[in-house]
Amino acid sequence: MALRITDECINCDMCLPECPNTAISEGKKVYEIDAHRCTECVGFYEAPTCMAVCPINCIETDPEHVEDKAQLLEKFKALNII
């Protein structure tokens, strides 16, 4: 699954620099995650770094973008041209 940021986001800027796929950007109200770029850090780290640094735990899996680890790895390869 890709991740998403909920409305509880306080725009603290902690997650933005953590994303190795540059999937996180400023939205109109809160930060947003581009599901087409989010690999949940598969290919880079053991766990999503944005979730690890979020001080209010407002990042969750996005049920509208269900992907297993193999699909996330394929997305990683496509984004990084491996």
PDB file of N, CA and C in Angstrom:
ATOM      1  N   MET A   1       0.828  -1.186   0.000  1.00  0.00           N
ATOM      2  CA  MET A   1       0.000   0.000   0.000  1.00  0.00           C
ATOM      3  C   MET A   1       0.868   1.243   0.000  1.00  0.00           C
ATOM      4  N   ALA A   2       0.387   2.239  -0.625  1.00  0.00           N
ATOM      5  CA  ALA A   2       1.008   3.551  -0.483  1.00  0.00           C
ATOM      6  C   ALA A   2       0.552   4.113   0.865  1.00  0.00           C
ATOM      7  N   LEU A   3       1.170   5.158   1.275  1.00  0.00           N
ATOM      8  CA  LEU A   3       0.805   5.807   2.533  1.00  0.00           C
ATOM      9  C   LEU A   3       0.040   7.089   2.247  1.00  0.00           C
ATOM     10  N   ARG A   4      -0.616   7.602   3.272  1.00  0.00           N
ATOM     11  CA  ARG A   4      -1.296   8.893   3.168  1.00  0.00           C
ATOM     12  C   ARG A   4      -1.129   9.628   4.483  1.00  0.00           C
ATOM     13  N   ILE A   5      -1.275  10.938   4.403  1.00  0.00           N
ATOM     14  CA  ILE A   5      -1.175  11.796   5.578  1.00  0.00           C
ATOM     15  C   ILE A   5      -2.575  12.289   5.901  1.00  0.00           C
ATOM     16  N   THR A   6      -2.976  12.138   7.148  1.00  0.00           N
ATOM     17  CA  THR A   6      -4.326  12.514   7.556  1.00  0.00           C
ATOM     18  C   THR A   6      -4.432  14.011   7.844  1.00  0.00           C
ATOM     19  N   ASP A   7      -5.643  14.457   8.058  1.00  0.00           N
ATOM     20  CA  ASP A   7      -5.906  15.869   8.352  1.00  0.00           C
ATOM     21  C   ASP A   7      -5.332  16.326   9.688  1.00  0.00           C
ATOM     22  N   GLU A   8      -4.865  15.392  10.498  1.00  0.00           N
ATOM     23  CA  GLU A   8      -4.266  15.754  11.778  1.00  0.00           C
ATOM     24  C   GLU A   8      -2.858  16.336  11.614  1.00  0.00           C
ATOM     25  N   CYS A   9      -2.319  16.284  10.419  1.00  0.00           N
ATOM     26  CA  CYS A   9      -0.975  16.799  10.129  1.00  0.00           C
ATOM     27  C   CYS A   9      -0.847  18.249  10.615  1.00  0.00           C
ATOM     28  N   ILE A  10       0.296  18.546  11.244  1.00  0.00           N
ATOM     29  CA  ILE A  10       0.545  19.905  11.741  1.00  0.00           C
ATOM     30  C   ILE A  10       1.586  20.631  10.883  1.00  0.00           C
ATOM     31  N   ASN A  11       1.917  20.058   9.727  1.00  0.00           N
ATOM     32  CA  ASN A  11       2.884  20.670   8.811  1.00  0.00           C
ATOM     33  C   ASN A  11       4.213  20.991   9.490  1.00  0.00           C
ATOM     34  N   CYS A  12       4.724  20.018  10.213  1.00  0.00           N
ATOM     35  CA  CYS A  12       5.957  20.240  10.969  1.00  0.00           C
ATOM     36  C   CYS A  12       7.213  20.124  10.101  1.00  0.00           C
ATOM     37  N   ASP A  13       7.079  19.648   8.876  1.00  0.00           N
ATOM     38  CA  ASP A  13       8.191  19.493   7.934  1.00  0.00           C
ATOM     39  C   ASP A  13       9.117  18.322   8.227  1.00  0.00           C
ATOM     40  N   MET A  14       8.801  17.478   9.171  1.00  0.00           N
ATOM     41  CA  MET A  14       9.687  16.358   9.507  1.00  0.00           C
ATOM     42  C   MET A  14       9.713  15.297   8.409  1.00  0.00           C
ATOM     43  N   CYS A  15       8.572  15.021   7.787  1.00  0.00           N
ATOM     44  CA  CYS A  15       8.495  13.928   6.815  1.00  0.00           C
ATOM     45  C   CYS A  15       9.074  14.291   5.451  1.00  0.00           C
ATOM     46  N   LEU A  16       8.957  15.525   5.070  1.00  0.00           N
ATOM     47  CA  LEU A  16       9.340  15.950   3.721  1.00  0.00           C
ATOM     48  C   LEU A  16      10.752  15.516   3.316  1.00  0.00           C
ATOM     49  N   PRO A  17      11.775  15.830   4.089  1.00  0.00           N
ATOM     50  CA  PRO A  17      13.127  15.445   3.671  1.00  0.00           C
ATOM     51  C   PRO A  17      13.427  13.952   3.834  1.00  0.00           C
ATOM     52  N   GLU A  18      12.569  13.225   4.531  1.00  0.00           N
ATOM     53  CA  GLU A  18      12.809  11.806   4.776  1.00  0.00           C
ATOM     54  C   GLU A  18      12.465  10.913   3.595  1.00  0.00           C
ATOM     55  N   CYS A  19      11.623  11.362   2.698  1.00  0.00           N
ATOM     56  CA  CYS A  19      11.128  10.511   1.615  1.00  0.00           C
ATOM     57  C   CYS A  19      12.169  10.341   0.504  1.00  0.00           C
ATOM     58  N   PRO A  20      12.677   9.120   0.314  1.00  0.00           N
ATOM     59  CA  PRO A  20      13.690   8.909  -0.714  1.00  0.00           C
ATOM     60  C   PRO A  20      13.126   8.958  -2.139  1.00  0.00           C
ATOM     61  N   ASN A  21      11.805   8.870  -2.274  1.00  0.00           N
ATOM     62  CA  ASN A  21      11.163   8.906  -3.592  1.00  0.00           C
ATOM     63  C   ASN A  21      10.554  10.269  -3.921  1.00  0.00           C
ATOM     64  N   THR A  22      10.782  11.242  -3.085  1.00  0.00           N
ATOM     65  CA  THR A  22      10.165  12.573  -3.209  1.00  0.00           C
ATOM     66  C   THR A  22       8.664  12.478  -3.474  1.00  0.00           C
ATOM     67  N   ALA A  23       8.010  11.607  -2.722  1.00  0.00           N
ATOM     68  CA  ALA A  23       6.565  11.405  -2.867  1.00  0.00           C
ATOM     69  C   ALA A  23       5.766  12.374  -2.004  1.00  0.00           C
ATOM     70  N   ILE A  24       6.420  13.052  -1.076  1.00  0.00           N
ATOM     71  CA  ILE A  24       5.730  13.956  -0.154  1.00  0.00           C
ATOM     72  C   ILE A  24       5.892  15.395  -0.634  1.00  0.00           C
ATOM     73  N   SER A  25       4.780  16.118  -0.607  1.00  0.00           N
ATOM     74  CA  SER A  25       4.805  17.527  -1.000  1.00  0.00           C
ATOM     75  C   SER A  25       3.794  18.300  -0.170  1.00  0.00           C
ATOM     76  N   GLU A  26       3.914  19.622  -0.202  1.00  0.00           N
ATOM     77  CA  GLU A  26       2.967  20.460   0.507  1.00  0.00           C
ATOM     78  C   GLU A  26       1.639  20.449  -0.225  1.00  0.00           C
ATOM     79  N   GLY A  27       0.568  20.227   0.522  1.00  0.00           N
ATOM     80  CA  GLY A  27      -0.768  20.302  -0.036  1.00  0.00           C
ATOM     81  C   GLY A  27      -1.400  21.627   0.353  1.00  0.00           C
ATOM     82  N   LYS A  28      -2.675  21.774   0.072  1.00  0.00           N
ATOM     83  CA  LYS A  28      -3.356  23.023   0.415  1.00  0.00           C
ATOM     84  C   LYS A  28      -3.481  23.214   1.916  1.00  0.00           C
ATOM     85  N   LYS A  29      -3.750  22.111   2.645  1.00  0.00           N
ATOM     86  CA  LYS A  29      -3.895  22.206   4.099  1.00  0.00           C
ATOM     87  C   LYS A  29      -2.791  21.454   4.836  1.00  0.00           C
ATOM     88  N   VAL A  30      -2.487  20.263   4.372  1.00  0.00           N
ATOM     89  CA  VAL A  30      -1.482  19.414   5.014  1.00  0.00           C
ATOM     90  C   VAL A  30      -0.575  18.825   3.942  1.00  0.00           C
ATOM     91  N   TYR A  31       0.501  18.220   4.368  1.00  0.00           N
ATOM     92  CA  TYR A  31       1.373  17.534   3.421  1.00  0.00           C
ATOM     93  C   TYR A  31       0.607  16.390   2.774  1.00  0.00           C
ATOM     94  N   GLU A  32       1.015  16.027   1.554  1.00  0.00           N
ATOM     95  CA  GLU A  32       0.348  14.960   0.815  1.00  0.00           C
ATOM     96  C   GLU A  32       1.394  13.978   0.305  1.00  0.00           C
ATOM     97  N   ILE A  33       0.960  12.738   0.109  1.00  0.00           N
ATOM     98  CA  ILE A  33       1.836  11.705  -0.433  1.00  0.00           C
ATOM     99  C   ILE A  33       1.293  11.279  -1.787  1.00  0.00           C
ATOM    100  N   ASP A  34       2.153  11.318  -2.791  1.00  0.00           N
ATOM    101  CA  ASP A  34       1.800  10.881  -4.136  1.00  0.00           C
ATOM    102  C   ASP A  34       1.870   9.352  -4.165  1.00  0.00           C
ATOM    103  N   ALA A  35       0.715   8.708  -4.290  1.00  0.00           N
ATOM    104  CA  ALA A  35       0.644   7.244  -4.267  1.00  0.00           C
ATOM    105  C   ALA A  35       1.431   6.607  -5.401  1.00  0.00           C
ATOM    106  N   HIS A  36       1.627   7.315  -6.485  1.00  0.00           N
ATOM    107  CA  HIS A  36       2.373   6.777  -7.621  1.00  0.00           C
ATOM    108  C   HIS A  36       3.888   6.776  -7.376  1.00  0.00           C
ATOM    109  N   ARG A  37       4.332   7.514  -6.365  1.00  0.00           N
ATOM    110  CA  ARG A  37       5.762   7.566  -6.038  1.00  0.00           C
ATOM    111  C   ARG A  37       6.085   6.873  -4.706  1.00  0.00           C
ATOM    112  N   CYS A  38       5.083   6.671  -3.873  1.00  0.00           N
ATOM    113  CA  CYS A  38       5.320   6.074  -2.550  1.00  0.00           C
ATOM    114  C   CYS A  38       5.530   4.566  -2.658  1.00  0.00           C
ATOM    115  N   THR A  39       6.670   4.100  -2.139  1.00  0.00           N
ATOM    116  CA  THR A  39       6.955   2.669  -2.086  1.00  0.00           C
ATOM    117  C   THR A  39       7.038   2.193  -0.637  1.00  0.00           C
ATOM    118  N   GLU A  40       6.582   3.004   0.294  1.00  0.00           N
ATOM    119  CA  GLU A  40       6.721   2.718   1.729  1.00  0.00           C
ATOM    120  C   GLU A  40       8.180   2.455   2.066  1.00  0.00           C
ATOM    121  N   CYS A  41       9.070   3.090   1.337  1.00  0.00           N
ATOM    122  CA  CYS A  41      10.524   2.994   1.488  1.00  0.00           C
ATOM    123  C   CYS A  41      11.091   1.632   1.085  1.00  0.00           C
ATOM    124  N   VAL A  42      10.265   0.757   0.486  1.00  0.00           N
ATOM    125  CA  VAL A  42      10.771  -0.507  -0.039  1.00  0.00           C
ATOM    126  C   VAL A  42      11.840  -0.178  -1.073  1.00  0.00           C
ATOM    127  N   GLY A  43      12.973  -0.865  -0.969  1.00  0.00           N
ATOM    128  CA  GLY A  43      14.099  -0.594  -1.852  1.00  0.00           C
ATOM    129  C   GLY A  43      15.126   0.328  -1.217  1.00  0.00           C
ATOM    130  N   PHE A  44      14.720   1.027  -0.186  1.00  0.00           N
ATOM    131  CA  PHE A  44      15.624   1.943   0.512  1.00  0.00           C
ATOM    132  C   PHE A  44      15.837   1.536   1.969  1.00  0.00           C
ATOM    133  N   TYR A  45      14.735   1.374   2.701  1.00  0.00           N
ATOM    134  CA  TYR A  45      14.802   1.120   4.142  1.00  0.00           C
ATOM    135  C   TYR A  45      13.874  -0.026   4.536  1.00  0.00           C
ATOM    136  N   GLU A  46      14.033  -0.498   5.743  1.00  0.00           N
ATOM    137  CA  GLU A  46      13.200  -1.587   6.263  1.00  0.00           C
ATOM    138  C   GLU A  46      11.772  -1.140   6.569  1.00  0.00           C
ATOM    139  N   ALA A  47      11.610   0.134   6.898  1.00  0.00           N
ATOM    140  CA  ALA A  47      10.293   0.668   7.269  1.00  0.00           C
ATOM    141  C   ALA A  47      10.179   2.095   6.738  1.00  0.00           C
ATOM    142  N   PRO A  48       8.955   2.573   6.575  1.00  0.00           N
ATOM    143  CA  PRO A  48       8.763   3.945   6.081  1.00  0.00           C
ATOM    144  C   PRO A  48       9.361   4.980   7.036  1.00  0.00           C
ATOM    145  N   THR A  49      10.298   5.762   6.542  1.00  0.00           N
ATOM    146  CA  THR A  49      10.965   6.741   7.397  1.00  0.00           C
ATOM    147  C   THR A  49      10.049   7.901   7.767  1.00  0.00           C
ATOM    148  N   CYS A  50       9.107   8.234   6.896  1.00  0.00           N
ATOM    149  CA  CYS A  50       8.196   9.336   7.226  1.00  0.00           C
ATOM    150  C   CYS A  50       7.375   9.002   8.462  1.00  0.00           C
ATOM    151  N   MET A  51       6.951   7.749   8.560  1.00  0.00           N
ATOM    152  CA  MET A  51       6.174   7.335   9.734  1.00  0.00           C
ATOM    153  C   MET A  51       7.023   7.391  10.993  1.00  0.00           C
ATOM    154  N   ALA A  52       8.277   7.027  10.852  1.00  0.00           N
ATOM    155  CA  ALA A  52       9.174   6.998  12.010  1.00  0.00           C
ATOM    156  C   ALA A  52       9.425   8.381  12.595  1.00  0.00           C
ATOM    157  N   VAL A  53       9.447   9.408  11.745  1.00  0.00           N
ATOM    158  CA  VAL A  53       9.763  10.751  12.244  1.00  0.00           C
ATOM    159  C   VAL A  53       8.533  11.600  12.556  1.00  0.00           C
ATOM    160  N   CYS A  54       7.359  11.143  12.184  1.00  0.00           N
ATOM    161  CA  CYS A  54       6.143  11.933  12.414  1.00  0.00           C
ATOM    162  C   CYS A  54       5.841  12.020  13.914  1.00  0.00           C
ATOM    163  N   PRO A  55       5.841  13.231  14.470  1.00  0.00           N
ATOM    164  CA  PRO A  55       5.639  13.378  15.911  1.00  0.00           C
ATOM    165  C   PRO A  55       4.198  13.136  16.375  1.00  0.00           C
ATOM    166  N   ILE A  56       3.247  13.130  15.451  1.00  0.00           N
ATOM    167  CA  ILE A  56       1.852  12.931  15.877  1.00  0.00           C
ATOM    168  C   ILE A  56       1.210  11.702  15.240  1.00  0.00           C
ATOM    169  N   ASN A  57       2.003  10.892  14.560  1.00  0.00           N
ATOM    170  CA  ASN A  57       1.527   9.642  13.966  1.00  0.00           C
ATOM    171  C   ASN A  57       0.318   9.835  13.054  1.00  0.00           C
ATOM    172  N   CYS A  58       0.419  10.789  12.142  1.00  0.00           N
ATOM    173  CA  CYS A  58      -0.694  11.061  11.229  1.00  0.00           C
ATOM    174  C   CYS A  58      -0.491  10.449   9.845  1.00  0.00           C
ATOM    175  N   ILE A  59       0.482   9.559   9.715  1.00  0.00           N
ATOM    176  CA  ILE A  59       0.728   8.885   8.438  1.00  0.00           C
ATOM    177  C   ILE A  59       0.260   7.444   8.577  1.00  0.00           C
ATOM    178  N   GLU A  60      -0.568   7.017   7.628  1.00  0.00           N
ATOM    179  CA  GLU A  60      -1.157   5.680   7.683  1.00  0.00           C
ATOM    180  C   GLU A  60      -1.181   5.063   6.292  1.00  0.00           C
ATOM    181  N   THR A  61      -1.474   3.777   6.231  1.00  0.00           N
ATOM    182  CA  THR A  61      -1.600   3.130   4.928  1.00  0.00           C
ATOM    183  C   THR A  61      -2.853   3.643   4.235  1.00  0.00           C
ATOM    184  N   ASP A  62      -2.781   3.724   2.929  1.00  0.00           N
ATOM    185  CA  ASP A  62      -3.879   4.246   2.123  1.00  0.00           C
ATOM    186  C   ASP A  62      -4.655   3.075   1.520  1.00  0.00           C
ATOM    187  N   PRO A  63      -5.854   2.793   2.023  1.00  0.00           N
ATOM    188  CA  PRO A  63      -6.622   1.648   1.533  1.00  0.00           C
ATOM    189  C   PRO A  63      -7.064   1.792   0.073  1.00  0.00           C
ATOM    190  N   GLU A  64      -6.941   2.971  -0.496  1.00  0.00           N
ATOM    191  CA  GLU A  64      -7.296   3.173  -1.905  1.00  0.00           C
ATOM    192  C   GLU A  64      -6.156   2.789  -2.840  1.00  0.00           C
ATOM    193  N   HIS A  65      -4.982   2.511  -2.276  1.00  0.00           N
ATOM    194  CA  HIS A  65      -3.819   2.144  -3.088  1.00  0.00           C
ATOM    195  C   HIS A  65      -3.151   0.918  -2.485  1.00  0.00           C
ATOM    196  N   VAL A  66      -3.795  -0.221  -2.646  1.00  0.00           N
ATOM    197  CA  VAL A  66      -3.309  -1.471  -2.073  1.00  0.00           C
ATOM    198  C   VAL A  66      -2.239  -2.086  -2.974  1.00  0.00           C
ATOM    199  N   GLU A  67      -1.057  -2.325  -2.398  1.00  0.00           N
ATOM    200  CA  GLU A  67       0.054  -2.953  -3.106  1.00  0.00           C
ATOM    201  C   GLU A  67       0.802  -3.847  -2.129  1.00  0.00           C
ATOM    202  N   ASP A  68       1.260  -5.000  -2.610  1.00  0.00           N
ATOM    203  CA  ASP A  68       2.061  -5.852  -1.741  1.00  0.00           C
ATOM    204  C   ASP A  68       3.533  -5.476  -1.895  1.00  0.00           C
ATOM    205  N   LYS A  69       4.395  -6.126  -1.124  1.00  0.00           N
ATOM    206  CA  LYS A  69       5.810  -5.760  -1.124  1.00  0.00           C
ATOM    207  C   LYS A  69       6.442  -5.942  -2.514  1.00  0.00           C
ATOM    208  N   ALA A  70       6.047  -6.990  -3.239  1.00  0.00           N
ATOM    209  CA  ALA A  70       6.596  -7.221  -4.584  1.00  0.00           C
ATOM    210  C   ALA A  70       6.205  -6.081  -5.530  1.00  0.00           C
ATOM    211  N   GLN A  71       4.968  -5.614  -5.435  1.00  0.00           N
ATOM    212  CA  GLN A  71       4.528  -4.496  -6.279  1.00  0.00           C
ATOM    213  C   GLN A  71       5.260  -3.210  -5.912  1.00  0.00           C
ATOM    214  N   LEU A  72       5.466  -2.996  -4.620  1.00  0.00           N
ATOM    215  CA  LEU A  72       6.207  -1.809  -4.180  1.00  0.00           C
ATOM    216  C   LEU A  72       7.650  -1.863  -4.672  1.00  0.00           C
ATOM    217  N   LEU A  73       8.248  -3.051  -4.681  1.00  0.00           N
ATOM    218  CA  LEU A  73       9.616  -3.194  -5.171  1.00  0.00           C
ATOM    219  C   LEU A  73       9.682  -2.915  -6.672  1.00  0.00           C
ATOM    220  N   GLU A  74       8.689  -3.359  -7.416  1.00  0.00           N
ATOM    221  CA  GLU A  74       8.638  -3.068  -8.850  1.00  0.00           C
ATOM    222  C   GLU A  74       8.499  -1.562  -9.100  1.00  0.00           C
ATOM    223  N   LYS A  75       7.677  -0.918  -8.277  1.00  0.00           N
ATOM    224  CA  LYS A  75       7.529   0.536  -8.400  1.00  0.00           C
ATOM    225  C   LYS A  75       8.858   1.231  -8.095  1.00  0.00           C
ATOM    226  N   PHE A  76       9.542   0.766  -7.054  1.00  0.00           N
ATOM    227  CA  PHE A  76      10.860   1.287  -6.704  1.00  0.00           C
ATOM    228  C   PHE A  76      11.809   1.187  -7.894  1.00  0.00           C
ATOM    229  N   LYS A  77      11.839   0.000  -8.528  1.00  0.00           N
ATOM    230  CA  LYS A  77      12.736  -0.208  -9.674  1.00  0.00           C
ATOM    231  C   LYS A  77      12.383   0.722 -10.831  1.00  0.00           C
ATOM    232  N   ALA A  78      11.110   0.898 -11.080  1.00  0.00           N
ATOM    233  CA  ALA A  78      10.678   1.783 -12.171  1.00  0.00           C
ATOM    234  C   ALA A  78      11.047   3.245 -11.884  1.00  0.00           C
ATOM    235  N   LEU A  79      10.882   3.665 -10.648  1.00  0.00           N
ATOM    236  CA  LEU A  79      11.212   5.038 -10.279  1.00  0.00           C
ATOM    237  C   LEU A  79      12.708   5.301 -10.308  1.00  0.00           C
ATOM    238  N   ASN A  80      13.472   4.281 -10.031  1.00  0.00           N
ATOM    239  CA  ASN A  80      14.927   4.436  -9.940  1.00  0.00           C
ATOM    240  C   ASN A  80      15.658   3.821 -11.127  1.00  0.00           C
ATOM    241  N   ILE A  81      14.934   3.417 -12.118  1.00  0.00           N
ATOM    242  CA  ILE A  81      15.462   2.860 -13.369  1.00  0.00           C
ATOM    243  C   ILE A  81      16.583   1.849 -13.103  1.00  0.00           C
ATOM    244  N   ILE A  82      16.204   0.805 -12.393  1.00  0.00           N
ATOM    245  CA  ILE A  82      17.165  -0.259 -12.064  1.00  0.00           C
ATOM    246  C   ILE A  82      16.891  -1.466 -12.938  1.00  0.00           C
TER     247      ILE A  82
END
